[in-house]
Amino acid sequence: MSLQEQFTQAQADSKNLPERPDNMTLLKIYALYKQGSSGDAQGERPGMTDFVNRAKFDAWDALKGTSQDEAMQQYIDLVEELKG
């Protein structure tokens, strides 16, 4: 199975985890997904009052420079770990 196929499968698996991850883990999942699918963070950083989207952007931006393949592999590994 190719890395892209594994990444797509991990996306599906992430919606059916046995328990909901904590917020920090959810941010990591989001950031790795965005880096793996889109590359480095783009666009404007959300304003101070938009806490959720600002945290998501910052988590994604923290991965700047990570290759898309590396981010996909980390995403796959994290989802597999959370599946138990």
PDB file of N, CA and C in Angstrom:
ATOM      1  N   MET A   1       0.857  -1.185   0.000  1.00  0.00           N
ATOM      2  CA  MET A   1       0.000   0.000   0.000  1.00  0.00           C
ATOM      3  C   MET A   1       0.899   1.243   0.000  1.00  0.00           C
ATOM      4  N   SER A   2       0.605   2.204  -0.851  1.00  0.00           N
ATOM      5  CA  SER A   2       1.421   3.417  -0.942  1.00  0.00           C
ATOM      6  C   SER A   2       1.212   4.297   0.294  1.00  0.00           C
ATOM      7  N   LEU A   3       2.121   5.226   0.492  1.00  0.00           N
ATOM      8  CA  LEU A   3       2.011   6.163   1.608  1.00  0.00           C
ATOM      9  C   LEU A   3       0.701   6.942   1.510  1.00  0.00           C
ATOM     10  N   GLN A   4       0.348   7.380   0.297  1.00  0.00           N
ATOM     11  CA  GLN A   4      -0.897   8.133   0.103  1.00  0.00           C
ATOM     12  C   GLN A   4      -2.113   7.276   0.473  1.00  0.00           C
ATOM     13  N   GLU A   5      -2.101   6.015   0.097  1.00  0.00           N
ATOM     14  CA  GLU A   5      -3.218   5.116   0.443  1.00  0.00           C
ATOM     15  C   GLU A   5      -3.303   4.899   1.956  1.00  0.00           C
ATOM     16  N   GLN A   6      -2.148   4.739   2.596  1.00  0.00           N
ATOM     17  CA  GLN A   6      -2.125   4.586   4.055  1.00  0.00           C
ATOM     18  C   GLN A   6      -2.649   5.854   4.732  1.00  0.00           C
ATOM     19  N   PHE A   7      -2.273   7.017   4.182  1.00  0.00           N
ATOM     20  CA  PHE A   7      -2.706   8.307   4.717  1.00  0.00           C
ATOM     21  C   PHE A   7      -4.228   8.430   4.606  1.00  0.00           C
ATOM     22  N   THR A   8      -4.771   8.046   3.458  1.00  0.00           N
ATOM     23  CA  THR A   8      -6.221   8.087   3.244  1.00  0.00           C
ATOM     24  C   THR A   8      -6.929   7.129   4.200  1.00  0.00           C
ATOM     25  N   GLN A   9      -6.356   5.952   4.409  1.00  0.00           N
ATOM     26  CA  GLN A   9      -6.948   4.986   5.343  1.00  0.00           C
ATOM     27  C   GLN A   9      -6.897   5.520   6.776  1.00  0.00           C
ATOM     28  N   ALA A  10      -5.792   6.145   7.135  1.00  0.00           N
ATOM     29  CA  ALA A  10      -5.660   6.706   8.487  1.00  0.00           C
ATOM     30  C   ALA A  10      -6.697   7.809   8.715  1.00  0.00           C
ATOM     31  N   GLN A  11      -6.985   8.600   7.657  1.00  0.00           N
ATOM     32  CA  GLN A  11      -8.033   9.619   7.757  1.00  0.00           C
ATOM     33  C   GLN A  11      -9.360   8.974   8.140  1.00  0.00           C
ATOM     34  N   ALA A  12      -9.719   7.903   7.442  1.00  0.00           N
ATOM     35  CA  ALA A  12     -10.976   7.198   7.726  1.00  0.00           C
ATOM     36  C   ALA A  12     -10.944   6.620   9.140  1.00  0.00           C
ATOM     37  N   ASP A  13      -9.816   6.016   9.507  1.00  0.00           N
ATOM     38  CA  ASP A  13      -9.690   5.415  10.839  1.00  0.00           C
ATOM     39  C   ASP A  13      -9.789   6.463  11.944  1.00  0.00           C
ATOM     40  N   SER A  14      -9.327   7.679  11.673  1.00  0.00           N
ATOM     41  CA  SER A  14      -9.326   8.728  12.700  1.00  0.00           C
ATOM     42  C   SER A  14     -10.747   9.116  13.117  1.00  0.00           C
ATOM     43  N   LYS A  15     -11.709   8.846  12.260  1.00  0.00           N
ATOM     44  CA  LYS A  15     -13.104   9.176  12.572  1.00  0.00           C
ATOM     45  C   LYS A  15     -13.771   8.102  13.423  1.00  0.00           C
ATOM     46  N   ASN A  16     -13.094   6.961  13.600  1.00  0.00           N
ATOM     47  CA  ASN A  16     -13.675   5.841  14.341  1.00  0.00           C
ATOM     48  C   ASN A  16     -12.762   5.351  15.457  1.00  0.00           C
ATOM     49  N   LEU A  17     -12.110   6.276  16.148  1.00  0.00           N
ATOM     50  CA  LEU A  17     -11.223   5.887  17.244  1.00  0.00           C
ATOM     51  C   LEU A  17     -12.054   5.390  18.431  1.00  0.00           C
ATOM     52  N   PRO A  18     -11.494   4.459  19.223  1.00  0.00           N
ATOM     53  CA  PRO A  18     -12.247   3.923  20.361  1.00  0.00           C
ATOM     54  C   PRO A  18     -12.615   4.989  21.400  1.00  0.00           C
ATOM     55  N   GLU A  19     -11.752   5.989  21.589  1.00  0.00           N
ATOM     56  CA  GLU A  19     -12.103   7.112  22.463  1.00  0.00           C
ATOM     57  C   GLU A  19     -11.592   8.411  21.878  1.00  0.00           C
ATOM     58  N   ARG A  20     -12.276   9.499  22.224  1.00  0.00           N
ATOM     59  CA  ARG A  20     -11.899  10.814  21.699  1.00  0.00           C
ATOM     60  C   ARG A  20     -10.574  11.250  22.323  1.00  0.00           C
ATOM     61  N   PRO A  21      -9.595  11.609  21.482  1.00  0.00           N
ATOM     62  CA  PRO A  21      -8.310  12.083  22.009  1.00  0.00           C
ATOM     63  C   PRO A  21      -8.470  13.425  22.746  1.00  0.00           C
ATOM     64  N   ASP A  22      -7.502  13.739  23.608  1.00  0.00           N
ATOM     65  CA  ASP A  22      -7.528  15.041  24.286  1.00  0.00           C
ATOM     66  C   ASP A  22      -7.240  16.144  23.258  1.00  0.00           C
ATOM     67  N   ASN A  23      -7.468  17.371  23.667  1.00  0.00           N
ATOM     68  CA  ASN A  23      -7.361  18.502  22.735  1.00  0.00           C
ATOM     69  C   ASN A  23      -5.964  18.660  22.136  1.00  0.00           C
ATOM     70  N   MET A  24      -4.920  18.425  22.926  1.00  0.00           N
ATOM     71  CA  MET A  24      -3.559  18.564  22.393  1.00  0.00           C
ATOM     72  C   MET A  24      -3.302  17.516  21.307  1.00  0.00           C
ATOM     73  N   THR A  25      -3.811  16.306  21.516  1.00  0.00           N
ATOM     74  CA  THR A  25      -3.648  15.251  20.516  1.00  0.00           C
ATOM     75  C   THR A  25      -4.469  15.572  19.270  1.00  0.00           C
ATOM     76  N   LEU A  26      -5.667  16.099  19.468  1.00  0.00           N
ATOM     77  CA  LEU A  26      -6.492  16.502  18.323  1.00  0.00           C
ATOM     78  C   LEU A  26      -5.783  17.574  17.498  1.00  0.00           C
ATOM     79  N   LEU A  27      -5.131  18.524  18.166  1.00  0.00           N
ATOM     80  CA  LEU A  27      -4.373  19.560  17.450  1.00  0.00           C
ATOM     81  C   LEU A  27      -3.235  18.943  16.649  1.00  0.00           C
ATOM     82  N   LYS A  28      -2.562  17.961  17.250  1.00  0.00           N
ATOM     83  CA  LYS A  28      -1.448  17.304  16.569  1.00  0.00           C
ATOM     84  C   LYS A  28      -1.957  16.551  15.341  1.00  0.00           C
ATOM     85  N   ILE A  29      -3.089  15.854  15.487  1.00  0.00           N
ATOM     86  CA  ILE A  29      -3.700  15.143  14.362  1.00  0.00           C
ATOM     87  C   ILE A  29      -4.017  16.136  13.242  1.00  0.00           C
ATOM     88  N   TYR A  30      -4.653  17.240  13.611  1.00  0.00           N
ATOM     89  CA  TYR A  30      -5.024  18.271  12.626  1.00  0.00           C
ATOM     90  C   TYR A  30      -3.778  18.806  11.912  1.00  0.00           C
ATOM     91  N   ALA A  31      -2.770  19.173  12.697  1.00  0.00           N
ATOM     92  CA  ALA A  31      -1.569  19.782  12.128  1.00  0.00           C
ATOM     93  C   ALA A  31      -0.846  18.815  11.186  1.00  0.00           C
ATOM     94  N   LEU A  32      -0.714  17.560  11.600  1.00  0.00           N
ATOM     95  CA  LEU A  32      -0.048  16.573  10.743  1.00  0.00           C
ATOM     96  C   LEU A  32      -0.848  16.330   9.470  1.00  0.00           C
ATOM     97  N   TYR A  33      -2.176  16.316   9.597  1.00  0.00           N
ATOM     98  CA  TYR A  33      -3.025  16.139   8.413  1.00  0.00           C
ATOM     99  C   TYR A  33      -2.818  17.308   7.436  1.00  0.00           C
ATOM    100  N   LYS A  34      -2.872  18.537   7.955  1.00  0.00           N
ATOM    101  CA  LYS A  34      -2.718  19.714   7.094  1.00  0.00           C
ATOM    102  C   LYS A  34      -1.330  19.747   6.445  1.00  0.00           C
ATOM    103  N   GLN A  35      -0.297  19.440   7.225  1.00  0.00           N
ATOM    104  CA  GLN A  35       1.068  19.449   6.682  1.00  0.00           C
ATOM    105  C   GLN A  35       1.213  18.347   5.629  1.00  0.00           C
ATOM    106  N   GLY A  36       0.637  17.184   5.905  1.00  0.00           N
ATOM    107  CA  GLY A  36       0.731  16.066   4.970  1.00  0.00           C
ATOM    108  C   GLY A  36      -0.048  16.292   3.692  1.00  0.00           C
ATOM    109  N   SER A  37      -1.160  16.994   3.791  1.00  0.00           N
ATOM    110  CA  SER A  37      -2.004  17.183   2.615  1.00  0.00           C
ATOM    111  C   SER A  37      -1.723  18.491   1.876  1.00  0.00           C
ATOM    112  N   SER A  38      -1.262  19.518   2.596  1.00  0.00           N
ATOM    113  CA  SER A  38      -1.115  20.840   1.983  1.00  0.00           C
ATOM    114  C   SER A  38       0.288  21.432   2.058  1.00  0.00           C
ATOM    115  N   GLY A  39       1.183  20.843   2.834  1.00  0.00           N
ATOM    116  CA  GLY A  39       2.517  21.433   3.007  1.00  0.00           C
ATOM    117  C   GLY A  39       2.497  22.507   4.087  1.00  0.00           C
ATOM    118  N   ASP A  40       3.465  23.402   4.031  1.00  0.00           N
ATOM    119  CA  ASP A  40       3.610  24.438   5.066  1.00  0.00           C
ATOM    120  C   ASP A  40       2.364  25.314   5.173  1.00  0.00           C
ATOM    121  N   ALA A  41       2.131  25.810   6.392  1.00  0.00           N
ATOM    122  CA  ALA A  41       0.975  26.665   6.677  1.00  0.00           C
ATOM    123  C   ALA A  41       0.939  27.864   5.738  1.00  0.00           C
ATOM    124  N   GLN A  42      -0.266  28.201   5.304  1.00  0.00           N
ATOM    125  CA  GLN A  42      -0.471  29.329   4.405  1.00  0.00           C
ATOM    126  C   GLN A  42      -1.598  30.182   4.939  1.00  0.00           C
ATOM    127  N   GLY A  43      -1.658  31.412   4.461  1.00  0.00           N
ATOM    128  CA  GLY A  43      -2.753  32.296   4.831  1.00  0.00           C
ATOM    129  C   GLY A  43      -2.448  33.087   6.084  1.00  0.00           C
ATOM    130  N   GLU A  44      -3.423  33.877   6.470  1.00  0.00           N
ATOM    131  CA  GLU A  44      -3.284  34.750   7.634  1.00  0.00           C
ATOM    132  C   GLU A  44      -3.509  33.978   8.922  1.00  0.00           C
ATOM    133  N   ARG A  45      -2.739  34.333   9.953  1.00  0.00           N
ATOM    134  CA  ARG A  45      -2.967  33.759  11.276  1.00  0.00           C
ATOM    135  C   ARG A  45      -4.256  34.366  11.825  1.00  0.00           C
ATOM    136  N   PRO A  46      -5.201  33.522  12.286  1.00  0.00           N
ATOM    137  CA  PRO A  46      -6.463  34.050  12.828  1.00  0.00           C
ATOM    138  C   PRO A  46      -6.216  34.998  14.010  1.00  0.00           C
ATOM    139  N   GLY A  47      -7.147  35.921  14.214  1.00  0.00           N
ATOM    140  CA  GLY A  47      -7.017  36.925  15.277  1.00  0.00           C
ATOM    141  C   GLY A  47      -7.124  36.355  16.679  1.00  0.00           C
ATOM    142  N   MET A  48      -6.787  37.187  17.658  1.00  0.00           N
ATOM    143  CA  MET A  48      -6.754  36.799  19.071  1.00  0.00           C
ATOM    144  C   MET A  48      -8.074  36.220  19.572  1.00  0.00           C
ATOM    145  N   THR A  49      -9.187  36.687  19.048  1.00  0.00           N
ATOM    146  CA  THR A  49     -10.487  36.240  19.563  1.00  0.00           C
ATOM    147  C   THR A  49     -10.935  34.905  18.980  1.00  0.00           C
ATOM    148  N   ASP A  50     -10.261  34.444  17.938  1.00  0.00           N
ATOM    149  CA  ASP A  50     -10.615  33.171  17.305  1.00  0.00           C
ATOM    150  C   ASP A  50      -9.681  32.083  17.847  1.00  0.00           C
ATOM    151  N   PHE A  51      -9.891  31.724  19.116  1.00  0.00           N
ATOM    152  CA  PHE A  51      -8.970  30.838  19.833  1.00  0.00           C
ATOM    153  C   PHE A  51      -8.755  29.492  19.140  1.00  0.00           C
ATOM    154  N   VAL A  52      -9.836  28.842  18.732  1.00  0.00           N
ATOM    155  CA  VAL A  52      -9.740  27.499  18.164  1.00  0.00           C
ATOM    156  C   VAL A  52      -8.948  27.506  16.863  1.00  0.00           C
ATOM    157  N   ASN A  53      -9.339  28.372  15.936  1.00  0.00           N
ATOM    158  CA  ASN A  53      -8.645  28.399  14.645  1.00  0.00           C
ATOM    159  C   ASN A  53      -7.215  28.919  14.773  1.00  0.00           C
ATOM    160  N   ARG A  54      -6.980  29.804  15.740  1.00  0.00           N
ATOM    161  CA  ARG A  54      -5.617  30.295  15.983  1.00  0.00           C
ATOM    162  C   ARG A  54      -4.739  29.144  16.491  1.00  0.00           C
ATOM    163  N   ALA A  55      -5.262  28.337  17.408  1.00  0.00           N
ATOM    164  CA  ALA A  55      -4.504  27.192  17.931  1.00  0.00           C
ATOM    165  C   ALA A  55      -4.225  26.184  16.817  1.00  0.00           C
ATOM    166  N   LYS A  56      -5.211  25.947  15.959  1.00  0.00           N
ATOM    167  CA  LYS A  56      -5.024  25.029  14.829  1.00  0.00           C
ATOM    168  C   LYS A  56      -3.937  25.549  13.893  1.00  0.00           C
ATOM    169  N   PHE A  57      -4.005  26.843  13.568  1.00  0.00           N
ATOM    170  CA  PHE A  57      -3.013  27.441  12.669  1.00  0.00           C
ATOM    171  C   PHE A  57      -1.615  27.338  13.278  1.00  0.00           C
ATOM    172  N   ASP A  58      -1.498  27.669  14.571  1.00  0.00           N
ATOM    173  CA  ASP A  58      -0.187  27.643  15.235  1.00  0.00           C
ATOM    174  C   ASP A  58       0.390  26.226  15.270  1.00  0.00           C
ATOM    175  N   ALA A  59      -0.473  25.224  15.508  1.00  0.00           N
ATOM    176  CA  ALA A  59      -0.008  23.835  15.536  1.00  0.00           C
ATOM    177  C   ALA A  59       0.507  23.431  14.147  1.00  0.00           C
ATOM    178  N   TRP A  60      -0.225  23.836  13.106  1.00  0.00           N
ATOM    179  CA  TRP A  60       0.190  23.537  11.730  1.00  0.00           C
ATOM    180  C   TRP A  60       1.481  24.285  11.401  1.00  0.00           C
ATOM    181  N   ASP A  61       1.549  25.572  11.745  1.00  0.00           N
ATOM    182  CA  ASP A  61       2.705  26.402  11.444  1.00  0.00           C
ATOM    183  C   ASP A  61       3.969  25.878  12.134  1.00  0.00           C
ATOM    184  N   ALA A  62       3.803  25.231  13.289  1.00  0.00           N
ATOM    185  CA  ALA A  62       4.944  24.689  14.030  1.00  0.00           C
ATOM    186  C   ALA A  62       5.630  23.556  13.261  1.00  0.00           C
ATOM    187  N   LEU A  63       4.937  22.977  12.279  1.00  0.00           N
ATOM    188  CA  LEU A  63       5.506  21.886  11.480  1.00  0.00           C
ATOM    189  C   LEU A  63       6.203  22.380  10.214  1.00  0.00           C
ATOM    190  N   LYS A  64       6.309  23.696  10.061  1.00  0.00           N
ATOM    191  CA  LYS A  64       6.921  24.281   8.860  1.00  0.00           C
ATOM    192  C   LYS A  64       8.266  23.612   8.589  1.00  0.00           C
ATOM    193  N   GLY A  65       8.466  23.231   7.335  1.00  0.00           N
ATOM    194  CA  GLY A  65       9.718  22.597   6.950  1.00  0.00           C
ATOM    195  C   GLY A  65       9.662  21.077   6.991  1.00  0.00           C
ATOM    196  N   THR A  66       8.644  20.507   7.625  1.00  0.00           N
ATOM    197  CA  THR A  66       8.476  19.053   7.637  1.00  0.00           C
ATOM    198  C   THR A  66       7.966  18.647   6.261  1.00  0.00           C
ATOM    199  N   SER A  67       8.586  17.643   5.655  1.00  0.00           N
ATOM    200  CA  SER A  67       8.133  17.220   4.327  1.00  0.00           C
ATOM    201  C   SER A  67       6.731  16.636   4.419  1.00  0.00           C
ATOM    202  N   GLN A  68       6.005  16.701   3.319  1.00  0.00           N
ATOM    203  CA  GLN A  68       4.647  16.148   3.300  1.00  0.00           C
ATOM    204  C   GLN A  68       4.681  14.647   3.566  1.00  0.00           C
ATOM    205  N   ASP A  69       5.665  13.937   3.005  1.00  0.00           N
ATOM    206  CA  ASP A  69       5.764  12.493   3.245  1.00  0.00           C
ATOM    207  C   ASP A  69       6.007  12.196   4.719  1.00  0.00           C
ATOM    208  N   GLU A  70       6.899  12.962   5.348  1.00  0.00           N
ATOM    209  CA  GLU A  70       7.189  12.759   6.777  1.00  0.00           C
ATOM    210  C   GLU A  70       5.951  13.041   7.619  1.00  0.00           C
ATOM    211  N   ALA A  71       5.228  14.113   7.301  1.00  0.00           N
ATOM    212  CA  ALA A  71       4.010  14.444   8.044  1.00  0.00           C
ATOM    213  C   ALA A  71       2.958  13.351   7.861  1.00  0.00           C
ATOM    214  N   MET A  72       2.829  12.834   6.638  1.00  0.00           N
ATOM    215  CA  MET A  72       1.868  11.743   6.396  1.00  0.00           C
ATOM    216  C   MET A  72       2.227  10.529   7.245  1.00  0.00           C
ATOM    217  N   GLN A  73       3.518  10.184   7.291  1.00  0.00           N
ATOM    218  CA  GLN A  73       3.940   9.012   8.069  1.00  0.00           C
ATOM    219  C   GLN A  73       3.670   9.228   9.556  1.00  0.00           C
ATOM    220  N   GLN A  74       3.959  10.418  10.073  1.00  0.00           N
ATOM    221  CA  GLN A  74       3.697  10.709  11.488  1.00  0.00           C
ATOM    222  C   GLN A  74       2.204  10.650  11.781  1.00  0.00           C
ATOM    223  N   TYR A  75       1.390  11.141  10.859  1.00  0.00           N
ATOM    224  CA  TYR A  75      -0.077  11.099  11.004  1.00  0.00           C
ATOM    225  C   TYR A  75      -0.545   9.648  11.069  1.00  0.00           C
ATOM    226  N   ILE A  76      -0.065   8.823  10.129  1.00  0.00           N
ATOM    227  CA  ILE A  76      -0.429   7.402  10.093  1.00  0.00           C
ATOM    228  C   ILE A  76      -0.039   6.734  11.405  1.00  0.00           C
ATOM    229  N   ASP A  77       1.198   6.975  11.859  1.00  0.00           N
ATOM    230  CA  ASP A  77       1.686   6.363  13.100  1.00  0.00           C
ATOM    231  C   ASP A  77       0.849   6.791  14.303  1.00  0.00           C
ATOM    232  N   LEU A  78       0.489   8.071  14.375  1.00  0.00           N
ATOM    233  CA  LEU A  78      -0.302   8.577  15.495  1.00  0.00           C
ATOM    234  C   LEU A  78      -1.694   7.949  15.503  1.00  0.00           C
ATOM    235  N   VAL A  79      -2.348   7.887  14.358  1.00  0.00           N
ATOM    236  CA  VAL A  79      -3.685   7.295  14.280  1.00  0.00           C
ATOM    237  C   VAL A  79      -3.620   5.818  14.663  1.00  0.00           C
ATOM    238  N   GLU A  80      -2.595   5.104  14.179  1.00  0.00           N
ATOM    239  CA  GLU A  80      -2.436   3.689  14.532  1.00  0.00           C
ATOM    240  C   GLU A  80      -2.282   3.515  16.050  1.00  0.00           C
ATOM    241  N   GLU A  81      -1.493   4.396  16.655  1.00  0.00           N
ATOM    242  CA  GLU A  81      -1.286   4.363  18.107  1.00  0.00           C
ATOM    243  C   GLU A  81      -2.613   4.601  18.844  1.00  0.00           C
ATOM    244  N   LEU A  82      -3.408   5.544  18.370  1.00  0.00           N
ATOM    245  CA  LEU A  82      -4.667   5.871  19.021  1.00  0.00           C
ATOM    246  C   LEU A  82      -5.732   4.779  18.828  1.00  0.00           C
ATOM    247  N   LYS A  83      -5.586   4.007  17.761  1.00  0.00           N
ATOM    248  CA  LYS A  83      -6.518   2.898  17.526  1.00  0.00           C
ATOM    249  C   LYS A  83      -6.341   1.805  18.566  1.00  0.00           C
ATOM    250  N   GLY A  84      -5.143   1.790  19.189  1.00  0.00           N
ATOM    251  CA  GLY A  84      -4.878   0.800  20.240  1.00  0.00           C
ATOM    252  C   GLY A  84      -4.386  -0.471  19.659  1.00  0.00           C
TER     253      GLY A  84
END
